[in-house]
């Protein structure tokens, strides 16, 4: 599967952005999807994930209540709606896909080891 993220940019603190990730290749609905981010000089970190159907979602504590992940299997696209952005949200955001079945154990695994497939990132910069 090939992944292409878009929607990043520069926004003021308190603002909103919506990231999109378009997938091509193998059937999109067979992948659990996620977003990770990497700030300058730091390790890549888990942000959010969504199950195959979209029924289950998972979030890092740092974004819970502010970010929403969703997917549209008809459009082969996963989204990350980011509200109430903070300067500490500044990072390169990566879209990822995974062939394993989503669940609590799976989330713990991908937080530590990442997912199977990765797209190129999109830069999000939040100014104070």
Protein backbone atom coordinates (compact mmCIF):
# COMPACT_ATOMS: atom_id res chain seq x y z
CA UNK A 1 0.00 0.00 0.00
CA UNK A 2 1.21 3.49 -0.82
CA UNK A 3 0.32 6.36 1.49
CA UNK A 4 0.30 10.07 0.76
CA UNK A 5 -0.34 12.55 3.56
CA UNK A 6 -1.43 16.14 2.99
CA UNK A 7 -3.01 19.05 4.80
CA UNK A 8 -0.14 20.25 6.94
CA UNK A 9 0.75 23.89 7.32
CA UNK A 10 1.30 26.81 9.64
CA UNK A 11 -1.44 27.68 12.13
CA UNK A 12 -1.70 29.80 15.24
CA UNK A 13 -2.17 28.25 18.65
CA UNK A 14 -5.81 27.43 19.22
CA UNK A 15 -6.43 26.89 15.54
CA UNK A 16 -7.37 23.79 13.58
CA UNK A 17 -6.04 21.69 10.73
CA UNK A 18 -7.26 18.54 9.03
CA UNK A 19 -4.74 16.09 7.72
CA UNK A 20 -5.64 13.60 5.01
CA UNK A 21 -3.91 10.43 3.93
CA UNK A 22 -4.80 8.85 0.62
CA UNK A 23 -3.96 5.17 0.14
CA UNK A 24 -3.46 3.26 -3.07
CA UNK A 25 -2.60 -0.33 -3.84
CA UNK A 26 -4.07 -3.19 -1.87
CA UNK A 27 -7.60 -2.91 -0.46
CA UNK A 28 -7.65 0.01 1.94
CA UNK A 29 -10.30 -1.51 4.17
CA UNK A 30 -7.98 -4.39 5.06
CA UNK A 31 -5.63 -2.07 6.96
CA UNK A 32 -5.86 -0.52 10.36
CA UNK A 33 -4.62 3.04 10.01
CA UNK A 34 -2.78 5.46 12.22
CA UNK A 35 -1.00 8.76 12.60
CA UNK A 36 2.36 9.32 14.23
CA UNK A 37 4.41 12.48 14.64
CA UNK A 38 8.04 13.41 15.06
CA UNK A 39 9.17 16.71 16.52
CA UNK A 40 12.68 18.03 15.80
CA UNK A 41 15.30 16.11 17.73
CA UNK A 42 12.76 13.69 19.16
CA UNK A 43 11.60 10.16 18.47
CA UNK A 44 8.52 9.45 16.39
CA UNK A 45 5.47 9.04 18.59
CA UNK A 46 2.01 7.54 18.25
CA UNK A 47 -0.85 10.02 17.86
CA UNK A 48 -3.99 8.11 16.91
CA UNK A 49 -5.25 4.95 15.24
CA UNK A 50 -8.47 3.59 13.80
CA UNK A 51 -9.71 0.06 13.18
CA UNK A 52 -10.57 -1.41 9.78
CA UNK A 53 -14.21 -0.38 9.93
CA UNK A 54 -13.63 2.89 11.77
CA UNK A 55 -15.68 1.73 14.72
CA UNK A 56 -12.75 1.77 17.17
CA UNK A 57 -10.36 4.65 17.69
CA UNK A 58 -7.32 5.09 19.92
CA UNK A 59 -5.48 8.23 21.00
CA UNK A 60 -2.34 9.32 22.77
CA UNK A 61 -3.15 11.06 26.03
CA UNK A 62 -1.55 14.26 24.75
CA UNK A 63 -4.14 14.67 21.98
CA UNK A 64 -7.22 13.06 23.51
CA UNK A 65 -10.20 15.40 23.33
CA UNK A 66 -8.53 17.64 20.73
CA UNK A 67 -7.80 15.32 17.80
CA UNK A 68 -10.18 13.02 15.96
CA UNK A 69 -9.17 10.23 13.61
CA UNK A 70 -11.62 8.91 11.03
CA UNK A 71 -11.61 7.00 7.79
CA UNK A 72 -13.64 6.81 4.62
CA UNK A 73 -13.13 3.39 3.07
CA UNK A 74 -15.03 4.40 -0.06
CA UNK A 75 -12.45 7.13 -0.65
CA UNK A 76 -9.42 5.14 0.57
CA UNK A 77 -8.62 7.99 2.93
CA UNK A 78 -7.92 8.45 6.62
CA UNK A 79 -8.23 11.83 8.32
CA UNK A 80 -6.87 13.52 11.41
CA UNK A 81 -8.91 16.51 12.56
CA UNK A 82 -6.77 18.59 14.89
CA UNK A 83 -8.42 21.25 17.04
CA UNK A 84 -7.14 23.51 19.82
CA UNK A 85 -3.63 23.15 18.47
CA UNK A 86 -0.70 23.91 20.73
CA UNK A 87 2.91 24.82 19.89
CA UNK A 88 3.95 21.41 21.26
CA UNK A 89 1.92 19.79 18.47
CA UNK A 90 4.51 21.08 16.00
CA UNK A 91 5.98 18.07 14.19
CA UNK A 92 6.10 16.12 10.99
CA UNK A 93 2.99 13.96 10.89
CA UNK A 94 3.13 10.51 9.31
CA UNK A 95 0.32 8.33 8.10
CA UNK A 96 0.74 4.58 8.60
CA UNK A 97 -1.04 1.34 7.79
CA UNK A 98 -0.99 -2.00 9.57
CA UNK A 99 -2.13 -5.49 8.64
CA UNK A 100 -2.77 -6.67 12.20
CA UNK A 101 -6.19 -6.65 13.80
CA UNK A 102 -6.84 -3.55 15.88
CA UNK A 103 -7.41 -3.84 19.61
CA UNK A 104 -5.95 -2.73 22.94
CA UNK A 105 -3.02 -5.15 22.71
CA UNK A 106 -2.38 -4.08 19.14
CA UNK A 107 -2.28 -0.41 20.13
CA UNK A 108 0.33 -1.14 22.79
CA UNK A 109 2.34 -2.94 20.13
CA UNK A 110 2.20 -0.17 17.52
CA UNK A 111 2.96 2.50 20.09
CA UNK A 112 6.22 0.72 20.79
CA UNK A 113 7.12 -0.73 17.38
CA UNK A 114 5.18 1.29 14.81
CA UNK A 115 3.14 -0.01 11.87
CA UNK A 116 3.89 -2.00 8.73
CA UNK A 117 3.71 0.73 6.10
CA UNK A 118 4.56 4.41 6.21
CA UNK A 119 3.93 7.42 4.05
CA UNK A 120 6.00 10.54 3.73
CA UNK A 121 5.22 13.08 6.37
CA UNK A 122 3.49 16.42 6.28
CA UNK A 123 4.75 19.32 8.37
CA UNK A 124 2.50 20.91 10.98
CA UNK A 125 3.76 24.09 12.64
CA UNK A 126 1.82 25.77 15.44
CA UNK A 127 2.91 29.28 16.35
CA UNK A 128 2.38 30.77 19.79
